[in-house]
Amino acid sequence: MGTGWFELEHTQLGFEFGTFAERFAKLDEALEILIPMIAGERVTFDGRYYRTQEAFAVPRFRDRIPLLIGGSGEKKTFGLAARYFDHLNVIAPFGDLRGKVDALQRRCAEVDRDPATLETSVLLSVVPDVGFTDDMVPPPMR
């Protein structure tokens, strides 16, 4: 679940892309509606972007659905992760990870959440370089 980063997808489906801040605000409101609905509650909500009255999810397949979000934003993304999510996939270079972990711990402290309860992973890009030489290249297929 996320804020929607791909503008073309919004355009193709007829949704307003909006600003970065608006997309985060919409996600925040949507989570205030969806999470209680998944848990079986009826939700009345009157926000800036969404309004519901006694909305509920039927049929319900389970009481809870684990939620994952990915990103590198220490304020908005990590703040949402601390408040709502089960898993945060951090997108950052290795050199930035210590600072990202510290920021995540601060966001968790702000909402009185034990950071150990937020599963965390890192998105890695790997570029293998095995130093191929001509004698390592297989012969062409016939």
Foldseek 3Di string as FASTA:
>chain_A
DDLDDDVVVCVVVVHDSDDPVVSLVVVVQVLVQPLVQLQFFQDADDDPPDGDGRDHDPPHPDNGDADEDEEADLPRRLLCLLVGHQEYAYEDDPVCVVVSVVSSVVSNVVVVHDVVRRHYHYDDDDDDDPPDDPVNDDDDDD
